[in-house]
């Protein structure tokens, strides 16, 4: 799979996350178990700097086997992806919580290409985190001569009719020099989608 798409996918694939503050860490990890169905669209820019769709896909992610190990309570995840082109791919990873000294669930995290990304709560049902933008992904999105770039992801959980929906929007800010050497800055929605899971 294109490395640029892999970076975007990994940022999007974290499971839905109910409130875990004060909850036993293993129980919090168990609450992540389930099957999630998603739909995603990736955006970039064209040669005129206008925002355009770059790719889209649907996915089914299974989170299973909750465990406490090395100060973390987490689940193993497997995500099967189908792009609008018909091509398919699979990503395996893990995500969960750091375990507090009293055994309760601490900060929420997931693995991004082997590196830990910590999600910061904004409210009981919203989270955010920032990551550096990968150079390969920026090129795929239509940028060159990039001086600096960052992604900020916002996730909000809603529940209704026995379905959890995790709505995700990623805002990307890029600063680059154009063909005339002039410094340009653009902020735009580069990824948007959702995961849904049926709950009892």
N, C-alpha and C. Protein backbone atom coordinates (compact mmCIF):
# COMPACT_ATOMS: atom_id res chain seq x y z
N UNK A 1 0.84 -1.20 0.00
CA UNK A 1 0.00 0.00 0.00
C UNK A 1 0.87 1.24 0.00
N UNK A 2 0.41 2.28 -0.68
CA UNK A 2 1.08 3.56 -0.68
C UNK A 2 1.30 4.04 0.75
N UNK A 3 2.55 4.42 1.10
CA UNK A 3 2.87 4.84 2.46
C UNK A 3 2.02 6.04 2.89
N UNK A 4 1.73 6.91 1.95
CA UNK A 4 0.90 8.08 2.27
C UNK A 4 -0.47 7.66 2.75
N UNK A 5 -1.10 6.70 2.05
CA UNK A 5 -2.40 6.22 2.46
C UNK A 5 -2.33 5.50 3.79
N UNK A 6 -1.26 4.76 4.01
CA UNK A 6 -1.13 4.04 5.28
C UNK A 6 -1.11 5.01 6.45
N UNK A 7 -0.40 6.12 6.32
CA UNK A 7 -0.34 7.10 7.40
C UNK A 7 -1.73 7.67 7.68
N UNK A 8 -2.48 7.98 6.64
CA UNK A 8 -3.83 8.51 6.82
C UNK A 8 -4.74 7.48 7.46
N UNK A 9 -4.62 6.23 7.03
CA UNK A 9 -5.45 5.17 7.58
C UNK A 9 -5.19 4.96 9.06
N UNK A 10 -3.94 4.89 9.43
CA UNK A 10 -3.61 4.65 10.83
C UNK A 10 -4.14 5.74 11.73
N UNK A 11 -4.13 6.97 11.25
CA UNK A 11 -4.67 8.07 12.05
C UNK A 11 -6.18 7.94 12.23
N UNK A 12 -6.83 7.30 11.30
CA UNK A 12 -8.29 7.23 11.34
C UNK A 12 -8.83 6.01 12.06
N UNK A 13 -8.00 4.99 12.26
CA UNK A 13 -8.55 3.69 12.61
C UNK A 13 -8.76 3.43 14.10
N UNK A 14 -8.40 4.35 14.98
CA UNK A 14 -8.60 4.08 16.41
C UNK A 14 -10.07 3.81 16.69
N UNK A 15 -10.31 2.83 17.57
CA UNK A 15 -11.68 2.40 17.85
C UNK A 15 -12.47 3.47 18.59
N UNK A 16 -13.80 3.31 18.57
CA UNK A 16 -14.64 4.19 19.37
C UNK A 16 -14.23 4.10 20.83
N UNK A 17 -14.43 5.16 21.57
CA UNK A 17 -13.88 5.20 22.92
C UNK A 17 -14.87 5.81 23.89
N UNK A 18 -15.49 4.99 24.68
CA UNK A 18 -16.38 5.47 25.72
C UNK A 18 -15.58 6.05 26.87
N UNK A 19 -16.25 6.79 27.74
CA UNK A 19 -15.57 7.40 28.88
C UNK A 19 -14.97 6.32 29.77
N UNK A 20 -13.68 6.43 30.13
CA UNK A 20 -13.00 5.41 30.91
C UNK A 20 -12.42 5.97 32.21
N UNK A 21 -12.63 7.25 32.47
CA UNK A 21 -12.06 7.87 33.65
C UNK A 21 -12.50 7.14 34.91
N UNK A 22 -11.53 6.62 35.69
CA UNK A 22 -11.83 5.92 36.93
C UNK A 22 -12.19 4.46 36.74
N UNK A 23 -12.36 4.03 35.50
CA UNK A 23 -12.73 2.65 35.21
C UNK A 23 -11.51 1.75 35.31
N UNK A 24 -11.71 0.50 35.75
CA UNK A 24 -10.63 -0.48 35.74
C UNK A 24 -10.03 -0.55 34.34
N UNK A 25 -8.71 -0.58 34.26
CA UNK A 25 -8.04 -0.50 32.96
C UNK A 25 -8.41 -1.66 32.04
N UNK A 26 -8.45 -2.88 32.59
CA UNK A 26 -8.80 -4.02 31.76
C UNK A 26 -10.24 -3.93 31.29
N UNK A 27 -11.14 -3.47 32.15
CA UNK A 27 -12.53 -3.30 31.74
C UNK A 27 -12.65 -2.25 30.65
N UNK A 28 -11.84 -1.19 30.75
CA UNK A 28 -11.85 -0.16 29.72
C UNK A 28 -11.39 -0.73 28.39
N UNK A 29 -10.37 -1.59 28.42
CA UNK A 29 -9.90 -2.23 27.19
C UNK A 29 -10.96 -3.17 26.63
N UNK A 30 -11.62 -3.90 27.53
CA UNK A 30 -12.68 -4.81 27.07
C UNK A 30 -13.81 -4.06 26.38
N UNK A 31 -14.04 -2.83 26.83
CA UNK A 31 -15.11 -2.02 26.24
C UNK A 31 -14.81 -1.63 24.79
N UNK A 32 -13.56 -1.76 24.37
CA UNK A 32 -13.18 -1.45 22.99
C UNK A 32 -13.43 -2.62 22.04
N UNK A 33 -13.64 -3.81 22.59
CA UNK A 33 -13.82 -5.01 21.76
C UNK A 33 -15.07 -4.87 20.90
N UNK A 34 -14.95 -5.27 19.66
CA UNK A 34 -16.12 -5.23 18.77
C UNK A 34 -15.73 -5.11 17.32
N UNK A 35 -16.73 -4.98 16.48
CA UNK A 35 -16.53 -4.83 15.04
C UNK A 35 -17.01 -3.45 14.62
N UNK A 36 -16.15 -2.72 13.95
CA UNK A 36 -16.41 -1.33 13.56
C UNK A 36 -16.45 -1.24 12.03
N UNK A 37 -17.42 -0.50 11.53
CA UNK A 37 -17.55 -0.30 10.09
C UNK A 37 -17.41 1.19 9.78
N UNK A 38 -16.55 1.49 8.80
CA UNK A 38 -16.25 2.90 8.54
C UNK A 38 -16.30 3.28 7.08
N UNK A 39 -16.37 4.58 6.86
CA UNK A 39 -16.32 5.17 5.52
C UNK A 39 -15.49 6.44 5.61
N UNK A 40 -14.50 6.61 4.70
CA UNK A 40 -13.50 7.67 4.83
C UNK A 40 -13.21 8.33 3.49
N UNK A 41 -12.90 9.62 3.55
CA UNK A 41 -12.49 10.36 2.35
C UNK A 41 -11.25 11.17 2.66
N UNK A 42 -10.26 11.08 1.78
CA UNK A 42 -8.99 11.79 1.93
C UNK A 42 -8.95 12.93 0.91
N UNK A 43 -8.54 14.12 1.37
CA UNK A 43 -8.51 15.31 0.51
C UNK A 43 -7.09 15.86 0.41
N UNK A 44 -6.79 16.49 -0.73
CA UNK A 44 -5.53 17.19 -0.94
C UNK A 44 -5.79 18.43 -1.78
N UNK A 45 -4.79 18.87 -2.52
CA UNK A 45 -4.95 20.05 -3.37
C UNK A 45 -4.55 19.72 -4.80
N UNK A 46 -5.15 20.48 -5.75
CA UNK A 46 -4.76 20.32 -7.14
C UNK A 46 -3.66 21.34 -7.47
N UNK A 47 -3.31 21.45 -8.74
CA UNK A 47 -2.21 22.34 -9.13
C UNK A 47 -2.54 23.82 -8.91
N UNK A 48 -3.81 24.11 -8.73
CA UNK A 48 -4.23 25.50 -8.46
C UNK A 48 -4.40 25.77 -6.97
N UNK A 49 -4.11 24.76 -6.15
CA UNK A 49 -4.24 24.93 -4.71
C UNK A 49 -5.65 24.74 -4.19
N UNK A 50 -6.56 24.26 -5.04
CA UNK A 50 -7.94 24.02 -4.61
C UNK A 50 -8.05 22.64 -3.98
N UNK A 51 -8.87 22.54 -2.93
CA UNK A 51 -9.04 21.26 -2.23
C UNK A 51 -9.85 20.30 -3.10
N UNK A 52 -9.32 19.08 -3.28
CA UNK A 52 -9.96 18.06 -4.09
C UNK A 52 -9.87 16.71 -3.39
N UNK A 53 -10.78 15.81 -3.74
CA UNK A 53 -10.73 14.45 -3.19
C UNK A 53 -9.56 13.70 -3.80
N UNK A 54 -8.79 13.01 -2.94
CA UNK A 54 -7.66 12.22 -3.41
C UNK A 54 -7.94 10.72 -3.37
N UNK A 55 -8.76 10.29 -2.42
CA UNK A 55 -9.05 8.86 -2.31
C UNK A 55 -10.23 8.67 -1.36
N UNK A 56 -10.80 7.49 -1.38
CA UNK A 56 -11.88 7.16 -0.46
C UNK A 56 -11.87 5.65 -0.25
N UNK A 57 -12.38 5.21 0.91
CA UNK A 57 -12.40 3.79 1.21
C UNK A 57 -13.43 3.48 2.29
N UNK A 58 -13.79 2.21 2.38
CA UNK A 58 -14.58 1.69 3.49
C UNK A 58 -13.73 0.67 4.21
N UNK A 59 -14.08 0.40 5.45
CA UNK A 59 -13.28 -0.55 6.21
C UNK A 59 -14.13 -1.27 7.25
N UNK A 60 -13.63 -2.44 7.66
CA UNK A 60 -14.18 -3.17 8.79
C UNK A 60 -13.03 -3.48 9.74
N UNK A 61 -13.11 -2.95 10.94
CA UNK A 61 -12.05 -3.17 11.92
C UNK A 61 -12.58 -4.03 13.06
N UNK A 62 -11.80 -5.03 13.45
CA UNK A 62 -12.13 -5.89 14.58
C UNK A 62 -11.11 -5.64 15.68
N UNK A 63 -11.62 -5.30 16.87
CA UNK A 63 -10.78 -5.12 18.06
C UNK A 63 -11.06 -6.30 19.00
N UNK A 64 -9.99 -6.99 19.44
CA UNK A 64 -10.20 -8.20 20.22
C UNK A 64 -9.02 -8.44 21.18
N UNK A 65 -9.14 -9.47 21.97
CA UNK A 65 -8.09 -9.96 22.87
C UNK A 65 -7.57 -8.89 23.83
N UNK A 66 -8.44 -8.32 24.69
CA UNK A 66 -7.97 -7.32 25.66
C UNK A 66 -6.99 -7.93 26.64
N UNK A 67 -5.95 -7.17 26.97
CA UNK A 67 -4.91 -7.67 27.85
C UNK A 67 -4.26 -6.50 28.58
N UNK A 68 -3.71 -6.77 29.76
CA UNK A 68 -2.90 -5.80 30.48
C UNK A 68 -1.47 -6.29 30.46
N UNK A 69 -0.57 -5.44 29.95
CA UNK A 69 0.83 -5.84 29.83
C UNK A 69 1.72 -4.61 29.77
N UNK A 70 2.81 -4.63 30.51
CA UNK A 70 3.81 -3.56 30.47
C UNK A 70 3.21 -2.18 30.72
N UNK A 71 2.29 -2.10 31.66
CA UNK A 71 1.71 -0.82 32.03
C UNK A 71 0.66 -0.30 31.09
N UNK A 72 0.16 -1.16 30.21
CA UNK A 72 -0.88 -0.76 29.26
C UNK A 72 -1.99 -1.80 29.24
N UNK A 73 -3.20 -1.33 29.05
CA UNK A 73 -4.36 -2.21 28.83
C UNK A 73 -4.83 -1.95 27.41
N UNK A 74 -4.83 -2.98 26.56
CA UNK A 74 -5.05 -2.72 25.15
C UNK A 74 -5.72 -3.91 24.44
N UNK A 75 -6.15 -3.63 23.22
CA UNK A 75 -6.71 -4.65 22.35
C UNK A 75 -5.88 -4.73 21.08
N UNK A 76 -5.91 -5.90 20.46
CA UNK A 76 -5.31 -6.06 19.14
C UNK A 76 -6.36 -5.67 18.10
N UNK A 77 -5.93 -4.98 17.04
CA UNK A 77 -6.87 -4.56 16.01
C UNK A 77 -6.42 -5.06 14.64
N UNK A 78 -7.41 -5.42 13.85
CA UNK A 78 -7.18 -5.80 12.45
C UNK A 78 -8.19 -5.05 11.60
N UNK A 79 -7.71 -4.32 10.61
CA UNK A 79 -8.59 -3.52 9.78
C UNK A 79 -8.49 -3.97 8.33
N UNK A 80 -9.61 -4.38 7.77
CA UNK A 80 -9.69 -4.77 6.36
C UNK A 80 -10.29 -3.62 5.57
N UNK A 81 -9.56 -3.15 4.57
CA UNK A 81 -9.88 -1.92 3.86
C UNK A 81 -10.17 -2.22 2.39
N UNK A 82 -11.19 -1.53 1.86
CA UNK A 82 -11.48 -1.61 0.43
C UNK A 82 -11.54 -0.19 -0.12
N UNK A 83 -10.62 0.11 -1.04
CA UNK A 83 -10.58 1.43 -1.67
C UNK A 83 -11.62 1.52 -2.78
N UNK A 84 -11.98 2.76 -3.15
CA UNK A 84 -12.98 2.94 -4.20
C UNK A 84 -12.50 2.38 -5.53
N UNK A 85 -11.18 2.18 -5.68
CA UNK A 85 -10.63 1.59 -6.89
C UNK A 85 -10.87 0.08 -6.94
N UNK A 86 -11.25 -0.51 -5.80
CA UNK A 86 -11.44 -1.95 -5.72
C UNK A 86 -10.29 -2.67 -5.05
N UNK A 87 -9.16 -1.99 -4.89
CA UNK A 87 -8.01 -2.60 -4.22
C UNK A 87 -8.32 -2.76 -2.73
N UNK A 88 -7.65 -3.75 -2.11
CA UNK A 88 -7.88 -4.02 -0.70
C UNK A 88 -6.56 -4.05 0.06
N UNK A 89 -6.64 -3.91 1.36
CA UNK A 89 -5.45 -3.97 2.20
C UNK A 89 -5.88 -4.31 3.63
N UNK A 90 -4.90 -4.70 4.45
CA UNK A 90 -5.14 -5.03 5.85
C UNK A 90 -4.07 -4.37 6.71
N UNK A 91 -4.49 -3.76 7.81
CA UNK A 91 -3.56 -3.16 8.78
C UNK A 91 -3.81 -3.79 10.14
N UNK A 92 -2.76 -4.25 10.80
CA UNK A 92 -2.86 -4.78 12.15
C UNK A 92 -2.10 -3.87 13.11
N UNK A 93 -2.70 -3.59 14.26
CA UNK A 93 -2.07 -2.69 15.22
C UNK A 93 -2.63 -3.00 16.61
N UNK A 94 -2.50 -2.06 17.53
CA UNK A 94 -3.09 -2.19 18.86
C UNK A 94 -3.37 -0.80 19.42
N UNK A 95 -4.28 -0.74 20.39
CA UNK A 95 -4.63 0.53 21.02
C UNK A 95 -5.27 0.26 22.37
N UNK A 96 -5.26 1.27 23.22
CA UNK A 96 -5.84 1.06 24.54
C UNK A 96 -5.53 2.21 25.48
N UNK A 97 -5.19 1.88 26.72
CA UNK A 97 -4.99 2.87 27.77
C UNK A 97 -3.70 2.58 28.54
N UNK A 98 -3.06 3.64 28.99
CA UNK A 98 -2.02 3.47 29.99
C UNK A 98 -2.70 3.14 31.31
N UNK A 99 -2.04 2.32 32.14
CA UNK A 99 -2.63 1.90 33.41
C UNK A 99 -2.09 2.78 34.53
N UNK A 100 -3.00 3.42 35.28
CA UNK A 100 -2.60 4.22 36.43
C UNK A 100 -2.13 3.33 37.57
N UNK A 101 -1.48 3.91 38.57
CA UNK A 101 -0.95 3.13 39.69
C UNK A 101 -2.03 2.36 40.43
N UNK A 102 -3.25 2.91 40.46
CA UNK A 102 -4.33 2.22 41.17
C UNK A 102 -5.05 1.20 40.30
N UNK A 103 -4.53 0.97 39.08
CA UNK A 103 -5.13 -0.02 38.19
C UNK A 103 -6.22 0.52 37.30
N UNK A 104 -6.52 1.81 37.40
CA UNK A 104 -7.55 2.40 36.57
C UNK A 104 -6.98 2.80 35.21
N UNK A 105 -7.89 3.07 34.27
CA UNK A 105 -7.48 3.47 32.93
C UNK A 105 -6.97 4.90 32.95
N UNK A 106 -5.82 5.10 32.33
CA UNK A 106 -5.24 6.44 32.22
C UNK A 106 -5.45 6.99 30.82
N UNK A 107 -4.41 7.59 30.27
CA UNK A 107 -4.52 8.22 28.96
C UNK A 107 -4.78 7.19 27.86
N UNK A 108 -5.56 7.61 26.90
CA UNK A 108 -5.90 6.77 25.75
C UNK A 108 -4.80 6.93 24.70
N UNK A 109 -4.43 5.82 24.06
CA UNK A 109 -3.37 5.88 23.04
C UNK A 109 -3.65 4.89 21.92
N UNK A 110 -2.94 5.06 20.81
CA UNK A 110 -2.89 4.05 19.77
C UNK A 110 -1.52 4.09 19.13
N UNK A 111 -1.18 3.05 18.40
CA UNK A 111 0.12 2.96 17.74
C UNK A 111 0.02 3.47 16.31
N UNK A 112 0.95 4.34 15.93
CA UNK A 112 1.03 4.88 14.57
C UNK A 112 2.41 4.52 14.03
N UNK A 113 2.45 3.50 13.17
CA UNK A 113 3.72 3.00 12.62
C UNK A 113 4.74 2.72 13.72
N UNK A 114 4.26 2.11 14.81
CA UNK A 114 5.14 1.73 15.91
C UNK A 114 5.35 2.80 16.96
N UNK A 115 4.88 4.03 16.70
CA UNK A 115 5.02 5.12 17.66
C UNK A 115 3.71 5.37 18.39
N UNK A 116 3.80 5.72 19.67
CA UNK A 116 2.61 5.98 20.47
C UNK A 116 2.04 7.36 20.17
N UNK A 117 0.75 7.43 19.98
CA UNK A 117 0.04 8.70 19.85
C UNK A 117 -0.98 8.76 20.99
N UNK A 118 -0.93 9.81 21.80
CA UNK A 118 -1.83 9.96 22.94
C UNK A 118 -2.98 10.88 22.54
N UNK A 119 -4.20 10.43 22.83
CA UNK A 119 -5.39 11.21 22.51
C UNK A 119 -5.81 12.01 23.76
N UNK A 120 -6.05 13.29 23.59
CA UNK A 120 -6.35 14.18 24.71
C UNK A 120 -7.85 14.47 24.77
N UNK A 121 -8.48 14.24 25.92
CA UNK A 121 -9.93 14.50 26.04
C UNK A 121 -10.22 15.99 26.03
N UNK A 122 -11.24 16.37 25.27
CA UNK A 122 -11.73 17.74 25.25
C UNK A 122 -13.02 17.86 26.05
N UNK A 123 -13.77 16.75 26.13
CA UNK A 123 -15.02 16.65 26.87
C UNK A 123 -15.26 15.16 27.08
N UNK A 124 -16.32 14.77 27.79
CA UNK A 124 -16.56 13.34 27.99
C UNK A 124 -16.73 12.54 26.70
N UNK A 125 -17.06 13.22 25.58
CA UNK A 125 -17.28 12.49 24.34
C UNK A 125 -16.49 13.03 23.15
N UNK A 126 -15.43 13.81 23.42
CA UNK A 126 -14.60 14.36 22.34
C UNK A 126 -13.12 14.27 22.69
N UNK A 127 -12.30 14.00 21.68
CA UNK A 127 -10.86 13.87 21.88
C UNK A 127 -10.13 14.54 20.71
N UNK A 128 -8.86 14.88 20.95
CA UNK A 128 -8.06 15.49 19.89
C UNK A 128 -6.60 15.08 20.07
N UNK A 129 -5.87 15.10 18.98
CA UNK A 129 -4.43 14.88 19.04
C UNK A 129 -3.80 15.47 17.78
N UNK A 130 -2.52 15.80 17.89
CA UNK A 130 -1.77 16.37 16.78
C UNK A 130 -0.61 15.47 16.42
N UNK A 131 -0.30 15.39 15.13
CA UNK A 131 0.83 14.61 14.66
C UNK A 131 1.53 15.37 13.54
N UNK A 132 2.83 15.10 13.38
CA UNK A 132 3.56 15.66 12.26
C UNK A 132 3.04 15.03 10.97
N UNK A 133 3.00 15.79 9.90
CA UNK A 133 2.56 15.29 8.61
C UNK A 133 3.72 14.58 7.91
N UNK A 134 3.48 13.36 7.48
CA UNK A 134 4.52 12.57 6.81
C UNK A 134 4.83 13.15 5.44
N UNK A 135 6.12 13.32 5.08
CA UNK A 135 6.48 13.90 3.78
C UNK A 135 5.89 13.15 2.58
N UNK A 136 5.83 11.81 2.68
CA UNK A 136 5.26 11.04 1.57
C UNK A 136 3.77 11.31 1.42
N UNK A 137 3.08 11.45 2.54
CA UNK A 137 1.66 11.75 2.46
C UNK A 137 1.44 13.15 1.89
N UNK A 138 2.26 14.11 2.32
CA UNK A 138 2.12 15.49 1.80
C UNK A 138 2.30 15.52 0.28
N UNK A 139 3.25 14.75 -0.23
CA UNK A 139 3.45 14.69 -1.68
C UNK A 139 2.21 14.10 -2.35
N UNK A 140 1.64 13.05 -1.75
CA UNK A 140 0.44 12.45 -2.29
C UNK A 140 -0.73 13.43 -2.28
N UNK A 141 -0.77 14.29 -1.26
CA UNK A 141 -1.84 15.27 -1.14
C UNK A 141 -1.66 16.45 -2.09
N UNK A 142 -0.48 16.54 -2.74
CA UNK A 142 -0.28 17.58 -3.75
C UNK A 142 0.69 18.67 -3.38
N UNK A 143 1.47 18.48 -2.30
CA UNK A 143 2.38 19.53 -1.84
C UNK A 143 3.84 19.18 -2.13
N UNK A 144 4.63 20.23 -2.42
CA UNK A 144 6.08 20.09 -2.56
C UNK A 144 6.74 21.31 -1.94
N UNK A 145 8.03 21.24 -1.75
CA UNK A 145 8.79 22.34 -1.13
C UNK A 145 8.18 22.76 0.22
N UNK A 146 7.75 21.75 0.99
CA UNK A 146 7.09 22.01 2.28
C UNK A 146 8.11 22.41 3.33
N UNK A 147 7.82 23.49 4.05
CA UNK A 147 8.66 23.95 5.14
C UNK A 147 8.20 23.38 6.47
N UNK A 148 6.90 23.32 6.70
CA UNK A 148 6.36 22.71 7.91
C UNK A 148 4.91 22.32 7.66
N UNK A 149 4.48 21.29 8.40
CA UNK A 149 3.10 20.81 8.24
C UNK A 149 2.71 19.99 9.46
N UNK A 150 1.42 20.07 9.80
CA UNK A 150 0.92 19.33 10.96
C UNK A 150 -0.54 18.96 10.75
N UNK A 151 -0.89 17.77 11.27
CA UNK A 151 -2.28 17.32 11.29
C UNK A 151 -2.84 17.50 12.70
N UNK A 152 -4.10 17.91 12.81
CA UNK A 152 -4.82 17.92 14.08
C UNK A 152 -6.13 17.15 13.87
N UNK A 153 -6.31 16.10 14.64
CA UNK A 153 -7.49 15.24 14.52
C UNK A 153 -8.46 15.53 15.65
N UNK A 154 -9.74 15.59 15.33
CA UNK A 154 -10.80 15.76 16.32
C UNK A 154 -11.79 14.61 16.14
N UNK A 155 -12.14 13.96 17.27
CA UNK A 155 -13.06 12.82 17.24
C UNK A 155 -14.18 13.07 18.23
N UNK A 156 -15.42 12.81 17.83
CA UNK A 156 -16.57 12.97 18.71
C UNK A 156 -17.43 11.72 18.65
N UNK A 157 -17.81 11.22 19.83
CA UNK A 157 -18.60 10.01 19.95
C UNK A 157 -20.06 10.35 20.21
N UNK A 158 -20.96 9.79 19.43
CA UNK A 158 -22.39 9.91 19.66
C UNK A 158 -22.99 8.51 19.73
N UNK A 159 -24.10 8.38 20.47
CA UNK A 159 -24.74 7.07 20.64
C UNK A 159 -26.24 7.22 20.46
N UNK A 160 -26.85 6.31 19.68
CA UNK A 160 -28.29 6.31 19.48
C UNK A 160 -28.72 5.08 18.72
N UNK A 161 -29.92 4.55 19.05
CA UNK A 161 -30.46 3.36 18.38
C UNK A 161 -29.48 2.19 18.43
N UNK A 162 -28.82 2.03 19.59
CA UNK A 162 -27.88 0.93 19.83
C UNK A 162 -26.68 0.94 18.87
N UNK A 163 -26.32 2.13 18.44
CA UNK A 163 -25.15 2.28 17.57
C UNK A 163 -24.26 3.40 18.11
N UNK A 164 -22.97 3.12 18.25
CA UNK A 164 -21.98 4.14 18.55
C UNK A 164 -21.40 4.65 17.23
N UNK A 165 -21.30 5.97 17.11
CA UNK A 165 -20.69 6.56 15.92
C UNK A 165 -19.54 7.46 16.35
N UNK A 166 -18.37 7.18 15.84
CA UNK A 166 -17.19 7.98 16.11
C UNK A 166 -16.92 8.82 14.87
N UNK A 167 -17.25 10.11 14.92
CA UNK A 167 -17.05 11.01 13.77
C UNK A 167 -15.68 11.66 13.87
N UNK A 168 -14.94 11.63 12.76
CA UNK A 168 -13.54 12.06 12.77
C UNK A 168 -13.31 13.10 11.68
N UNK A 169 -12.65 14.19 12.04
CA UNK A 169 -12.20 15.19 11.07
C UNK A 169 -10.75 15.53 11.34
N UNK A 170 -9.94 15.53 10.30
CA UNK A 170 -8.53 15.91 10.43
C UNK A 170 -8.29 17.21 9.68
N UNK A 171 -7.76 18.19 10.38
CA UNK A 171 -7.39 19.47 9.79
C UNK A 171 -5.88 19.51 9.59
N UNK A 172 -5.45 19.82 8.39
CA UNK A 172 -4.02 19.86 8.06
C UNK A 172 -3.61 21.30 7.73
N UNK A 173 -2.50 21.72 8.31
CA UNK A 173 -1.94 23.04 8.01
C UNK A 173 -0.57 22.84 7.36
N UNK A 174 -0.38 23.43 6.19
CA UNK A 174 0.86 23.26 5.43
C UNK A 174 1.43 24.63 5.06
N UNK A 175 2.73 24.77 5.26
CA UNK A 175 3.44 25.96 4.79
C UNK A 175 4.49 25.51 3.78
N UNK A 176 4.49 26.13 2.58
CA UNK A 176 5.42 25.72 1.54
C UNK A 176 5.78 26.91 0.66
N UNK A 177 6.77 26.73 -0.18
CA UNK A 177 7.15 27.75 -1.16
C UNK A 177 6.66 27.33 -2.53
N UNK A 178 5.98 28.24 -3.20
CA UNK A 178 5.44 27.92 -4.51
C UNK A 178 6.53 28.01 -5.58
N UNK A 179 6.14 27.84 -6.85
CA UNK A 179 7.11 27.83 -7.94
C UNK A 179 7.87 29.13 -8.11
N UNK A 180 7.32 30.25 -7.56
CA UNK A 180 8.00 31.53 -7.64
C UNK A 180 8.80 31.85 -6.38
N UNK A 181 8.82 30.89 -5.44
CA UNK A 181 9.57 31.09 -4.21
C UNK A 181 8.80 31.81 -3.13
N UNK A 182 7.54 32.14 -3.39
CA UNK A 182 6.72 32.85 -2.39
C UNK A 182 6.23 31.86 -1.33
N UNK A 183 6.22 32.32 -0.09
CA UNK A 183 5.77 31.48 1.02
C UNK A 183 4.24 31.42 1.05
N UNK A 184 3.71 30.20 1.09
CA UNK A 184 2.26 29.98 1.11
C UNK A 184 1.87 29.16 2.33
N UNK A 185 0.67 29.40 2.86
CA UNK A 185 0.15 28.62 3.97
C UNK A 185 -1.30 28.27 3.68
N UNK A 186 -1.65 27.03 3.92
CA UNK A 186 -3.03 26.59 3.70
C UNK A 186 -3.46 25.67 4.83
N UNK A 187 -4.69 25.87 5.32
CA UNK A 187 -5.29 24.99 6.31
C UNK A 187 -6.59 24.44 5.72
N UNK A 188 -6.77 23.13 5.78
CA UNK A 188 -7.93 22.51 5.14
C UNK A 188 -8.25 21.17 5.79
N UNK A 189 -9.46 20.68 5.58
CA UNK A 189 -9.85 19.35 6.03
C UNK A 189 -9.26 18.33 5.06
N UNK A 190 -8.35 17.49 5.57
CA UNK A 190 -7.67 16.53 4.71
C UNK A 190 -8.19 15.10 4.87
N UNK A 191 -8.96 14.85 5.92
CA UNK A 191 -9.50 13.51 6.13
C UNK A 191 -10.79 13.64 6.92
N UNK A 192 -11.82 12.90 6.48
CA UNK A 192 -13.09 12.94 7.19
C UNK A 192 -13.78 11.59 7.04
N UNK A 193 -14.41 11.15 8.13
CA UNK A 193 -15.10 9.86 8.06
C UNK A 193 -15.65 9.49 9.41
N UNK A 194 -16.04 8.23 9.53
CA UNK A 194 -16.62 7.75 10.80
C UNK A 194 -16.48 6.25 10.91
N UNK A 195 -16.54 5.78 12.16
CA UNK A 195 -16.65 4.36 12.48
C UNK A 195 -17.94 4.16 13.25
N UNK A 196 -18.62 3.05 12.99
CA UNK A 196 -19.82 2.71 13.75
C UNK A 196 -19.70 1.29 14.31
N UNK A 197 -20.30 1.11 15.49
CA UNK A 197 -20.32 -0.19 16.15
C UNK A 197 -21.66 -0.38 16.82
N UNK A 198 -22.25 -1.55 16.63
CA UNK A 198 -23.50 -1.86 17.33
C UNK A 198 -23.18 -2.22 18.78
N UNK A 199 -24.00 -1.73 19.71
CA UNK A 199 -23.82 -1.99 21.13
C UNK A 199 -25.09 -2.60 21.69
N UNK A 200 -25.00 -3.33 22.80
CA UNK A 200 -26.20 -3.97 23.38
C UNK A 200 -27.22 -2.95 23.82
